[in-house]
Amino acid sequence: MERHQVIVFKPYPFKVGQKIYIDNGHRKGDWEVIGLSDRKVKLRCPVSFREFDWDSFCYFVEEATDRIWPNKE
């Protein structure tokens, strides 16, 4: 098998009570995680106190070197 450099995306495992900062996009800014479900994350703005239920959207990114790609498993 051939080895490549691969970017790995994983859903971020949010926990209620976390204070987060989203670096760009239309959700940019500071948020507090106030609720979770299998597919949704509920965030509250600490300034306006508005709350939003969004599909999970944040991902932890890892850059892996010397990785088999494509992975047939």
N, C-alpha and C. Protein backbone atom coordinates (compact mmCIF):
# COMPACT_ATOMS: atom_id res chain seq x y z
N MET A 1 0.84 -1.18 0.00
CA MET A 1 0.00 0.00 0.00
C MET A 1 0.88 1.24 0.00
N GLU A 2 0.42 2.23 -0.70
CA GLU A 2 1.15 3.48 -0.80
C GLU A 2 0.84 4.38 0.40
N ARG A 3 1.81 5.15 0.85
CA ARG A 3 1.63 6.03 2.01
C ARG A 3 1.58 7.48 1.54
N HIS A 4 0.71 8.28 2.22
CA HIS A 4 0.49 9.67 1.85
C HIS A 4 0.37 10.54 3.10
N GLN A 5 0.41 11.84 2.89
CA GLN A 5 0.08 12.80 3.94
C GLN A 5 -1.43 13.02 3.85
N VAL A 6 -2.15 12.86 4.97
CA VAL A 6 -3.62 12.89 4.96
C VAL A 6 -4.11 13.83 6.05
N ILE A 7 -5.12 14.64 5.77
CA ILE A 7 -5.77 15.49 6.76
C ILE A 7 -6.92 14.70 7.35
N VAL A 8 -7.00 14.61 8.69
CA VAL A 8 -8.00 13.80 9.39
C VAL A 8 -8.99 14.73 10.09
N PHE A 9 -10.29 14.55 9.85
CA PHE A 9 -11.34 15.33 10.49
C PHE A 9 -12.13 14.43 11.43
N LYS A 10 -12.36 14.90 12.65
CA LYS A 10 -13.16 14.17 13.63
C LYS A 10 -14.12 15.16 14.29
N PRO A 11 -15.38 14.78 14.52
CA PRO A 11 -16.26 15.67 15.25
C PRO A 11 -15.68 15.98 16.63
N TYR A 12 -15.74 17.23 17.00
CA TYR A 12 -15.19 17.61 18.30
C TYR A 12 -16.13 17.14 19.42
N PRO A 13 -15.60 16.52 20.46
CA PRO A 13 -16.44 16.00 21.56
C PRO A 13 -16.78 17.11 22.57
N PHE A 14 -17.75 17.95 22.21
CA PHE A 14 -18.17 19.04 23.09
C PHE A 14 -18.62 18.52 24.45
N LYS A 15 -18.50 19.37 25.46
CA LYS A 15 -19.03 19.10 26.80
C LYS A 15 -19.79 20.33 27.25
N VAL A 16 -20.94 20.11 27.88
CA VAL A 16 -21.74 21.23 28.40
C VAL A 16 -20.88 22.03 29.37
N GLY A 17 -20.96 23.35 29.23
CA GLY A 17 -20.20 24.25 30.08
C GLY A 17 -18.93 24.78 29.45
N GLN A 18 -18.50 24.19 28.33
CA GLN A 18 -17.28 24.65 27.69
C GLN A 18 -17.47 26.05 27.12
N LYS A 19 -16.43 26.86 27.25
CA LYS A 19 -16.38 28.16 26.60
C LYS A 19 -15.53 27.96 25.36
N ILE A 20 -16.07 28.34 24.20
CA ILE A 20 -15.36 28.11 22.95
C ILE A 20 -15.26 29.41 22.15
N TYR A 21 -14.32 29.44 21.23
CA TYR A 21 -14.19 30.55 20.28
C TYR A 21 -14.13 29.94 18.89
N ILE A 22 -15.02 30.41 18.01
CA ILE A 22 -15.04 29.96 16.62
C ILE A 22 -14.29 31.03 15.82
N ASP A 23 -13.26 30.60 15.12
CA ASP A 23 -12.32 31.52 14.50
C ASP A 23 -12.81 32.20 13.24
N ASN A 24 -13.76 31.61 12.52
CA ASN A 24 -14.22 32.27 11.29
C ASN A 24 -15.60 31.79 10.90
N GLY A 25 -16.13 32.36 9.83
CA GLY A 25 -17.45 31.98 9.34
C GLY A 25 -18.56 32.77 10.02
N HIS A 26 -19.80 32.44 9.69
CA HIS A 26 -20.93 33.20 10.23
C HIS A 26 -21.19 32.92 11.71
N ARG A 27 -20.55 31.92 12.29
CA ARG A 27 -20.68 31.65 13.72
C ARG A 27 -19.49 32.19 14.51
N LYS A 28 -18.65 32.99 13.87
CA LYS A 28 -17.42 33.49 14.48
C LYS A 28 -17.72 34.19 15.81
N GLY A 29 -16.87 33.89 16.80
CA GLY A 29 -16.98 34.58 18.08
C GLY A 29 -16.97 33.63 19.26
N ASP A 30 -17.29 34.19 20.43
CA ASP A 30 -17.31 33.44 21.67
C ASP A 30 -18.68 32.81 21.91
N TRP A 31 -18.66 31.57 22.44
CA TRP A 31 -19.88 30.83 22.71
C TRP A 31 -19.71 29.98 23.95
N GLU A 32 -20.84 29.63 24.57
CA GLU A 32 -20.84 28.66 25.66
C GLU A 32 -21.69 27.47 25.23
N VAL A 33 -21.18 26.27 25.43
CA VAL A 33 -21.92 25.06 25.10
C VAL A 33 -22.93 24.82 26.23
N ILE A 34 -24.23 24.84 25.89
CA ILE A 34 -25.27 24.69 26.92
C ILE A 34 -26.13 23.45 26.74
N GLY A 35 -25.94 22.71 25.65
CA GLY A 35 -26.72 21.49 25.45
C GLY A 35 -26.15 20.67 24.32
N LEU A 36 -26.38 19.37 24.39
CA LEU A 36 -25.88 18.44 23.38
C LEU A 36 -26.89 17.35 23.10
N SER A 37 -26.91 16.88 21.87
CA SER A 37 -27.64 15.68 21.51
C SER A 37 -26.74 14.90 20.57
N ASP A 38 -27.23 13.79 20.03
CA ASP A 38 -26.41 13.00 19.12
C ASP A 38 -26.00 13.78 17.88
N ARG A 39 -26.84 14.69 17.44
CA ARG A 39 -26.56 15.40 16.18
C ARG A 39 -26.49 16.91 16.31
N LYS A 40 -26.86 17.45 17.45
CA LYS A 40 -26.94 18.91 17.62
C LYS A 40 -26.06 19.38 18.77
N VAL A 41 -25.67 20.64 18.67
CA VAL A 41 -24.99 21.33 19.77
C VAL A 41 -25.76 22.63 20.00
N LYS A 42 -26.04 22.94 21.26
CA LYS A 42 -26.76 24.16 21.60
C LYS A 42 -25.77 25.14 22.21
N LEU A 43 -25.65 26.31 21.57
CA LEU A 43 -24.69 27.32 22.00
C LEU A 43 -25.41 28.59 22.43
N ARG A 44 -24.80 29.29 23.39
CA ARG A 44 -25.34 30.58 23.84
C ARG A 44 -24.24 31.64 23.68
N CYS A 45 -24.63 32.78 23.12
CA CYS A 45 -23.73 33.91 23.01
C CYS A 45 -23.61 34.56 24.38
N PRO A 46 -22.39 34.78 24.91
CA PRO A 46 -22.23 35.37 26.23
C PRO A 46 -22.51 36.88 26.27
N VAL A 47 -22.69 37.49 25.10
CA VAL A 47 -22.96 38.93 25.04
C VAL A 47 -24.46 39.19 24.91
N SER A 48 -25.09 38.58 23.91
CA SER A 48 -26.52 38.80 23.67
C SER A 48 -27.40 37.79 24.39
N PHE A 49 -26.80 36.71 24.87
CA PHE A 49 -27.50 35.59 25.52
C PHE A 49 -28.47 34.86 24.58
N ARG A 50 -28.36 35.12 23.28
CA ARG A 50 -29.16 34.37 22.31
C ARG A 50 -28.66 32.94 22.26
N GLU A 51 -29.58 32.00 22.03
CA GLU A 51 -29.24 30.57 22.00
C GLU A 51 -29.57 30.00 20.63
N PHE A 52 -28.73 29.08 20.19
CA PHE A 52 -28.89 28.46 18.88
C PHE A 52 -28.65 26.97 18.97
N ASP A 53 -29.51 26.17 18.32
CA ASP A 53 -29.31 24.73 18.14
C ASP A 53 -28.80 24.53 16.73
N TRP A 54 -27.58 24.02 16.60
CA TRP A 54 -27.01 23.79 15.29
C TRP A 54 -26.59 22.35 15.15
N ASP A 55 -26.63 21.84 13.91
CA ASP A 55 -26.04 20.54 13.64
C ASP A 55 -24.57 20.62 14.04
N SER A 56 -24.03 19.52 14.52
CA SER A 56 -22.61 19.51 14.87
C SER A 56 -21.80 19.98 13.68
N PHE A 57 -20.86 20.87 13.91
CA PHE A 57 -20.15 21.49 12.80
C PHE A 57 -18.67 21.69 13.06
N CYS A 58 -18.22 21.61 14.29
CA CYS A 58 -16.81 21.83 14.60
C CYS A 58 -16.05 20.52 14.54
N TYR A 59 -14.88 20.60 13.99
CA TYR A 59 -14.07 19.41 13.83
C TYR A 59 -12.65 19.65 14.34
N PHE A 60 -12.09 18.63 14.95
CA PHE A 60 -10.69 18.65 15.31
C PHE A 60 -9.92 18.18 14.10
N VAL A 61 -8.88 18.88 13.74
CA VAL A 61 -8.12 18.54 12.54
C VAL A 61 -6.72 18.08 12.93
N GLU A 62 -6.30 17.05 12.27
CA GLU A 62 -4.96 16.49 12.48
C GLU A 62 -4.33 16.29 11.12
N GLU A 63 -3.06 16.58 11.01
CA GLU A 63 -2.35 16.30 9.78
C GLU A 63 -1.44 15.10 10.04
N ALA A 64 -1.69 14.03 9.35
CA ALA A 64 -0.94 12.79 9.57
C ALA A 64 0.02 12.56 8.40
N THR A 65 1.22 12.17 8.72
CA THR A 65 2.18 11.84 7.68
C THR A 65 2.40 10.33 7.66
N ASP A 66 2.83 9.83 6.53
CA ASP A 66 3.11 8.41 6.36
C ASP A 66 1.89 7.55 6.68
N ARG A 67 0.76 7.92 6.11
CA ARG A 67 -0.50 7.22 6.38
C ARG A 67 -0.97 6.51 5.11
N ILE A 68 -1.51 5.30 5.27
CA ILE A 68 -2.06 4.56 4.13
C ILE A 68 -3.34 5.27 3.67
N TRP A 69 -3.41 5.51 2.35
CA TRP A 69 -4.57 6.19 1.77
C TRP A 69 -4.75 5.71 0.35
N PRO A 70 -5.92 5.34 -0.09
CA PRO A 70 -7.15 5.26 0.70
C PRO A 70 -7.13 4.05 1.64
N ASN A 71 -7.83 4.20 2.75
CA ASN A 71 -7.92 3.15 3.75
C ASN A 71 -9.11 2.27 3.40
N LYS A 72 -8.89 1.01 3.17
CA LYS A 72 -9.94 0.09 2.71
C LYS A 72 -10.78 -0.44 3.87
N GLU A 73 -10.45 -0.10 5.13
CA GLU A 73 -11.19 -0.65 6.29
C GLU A 73 -12.51 0.03 6.49
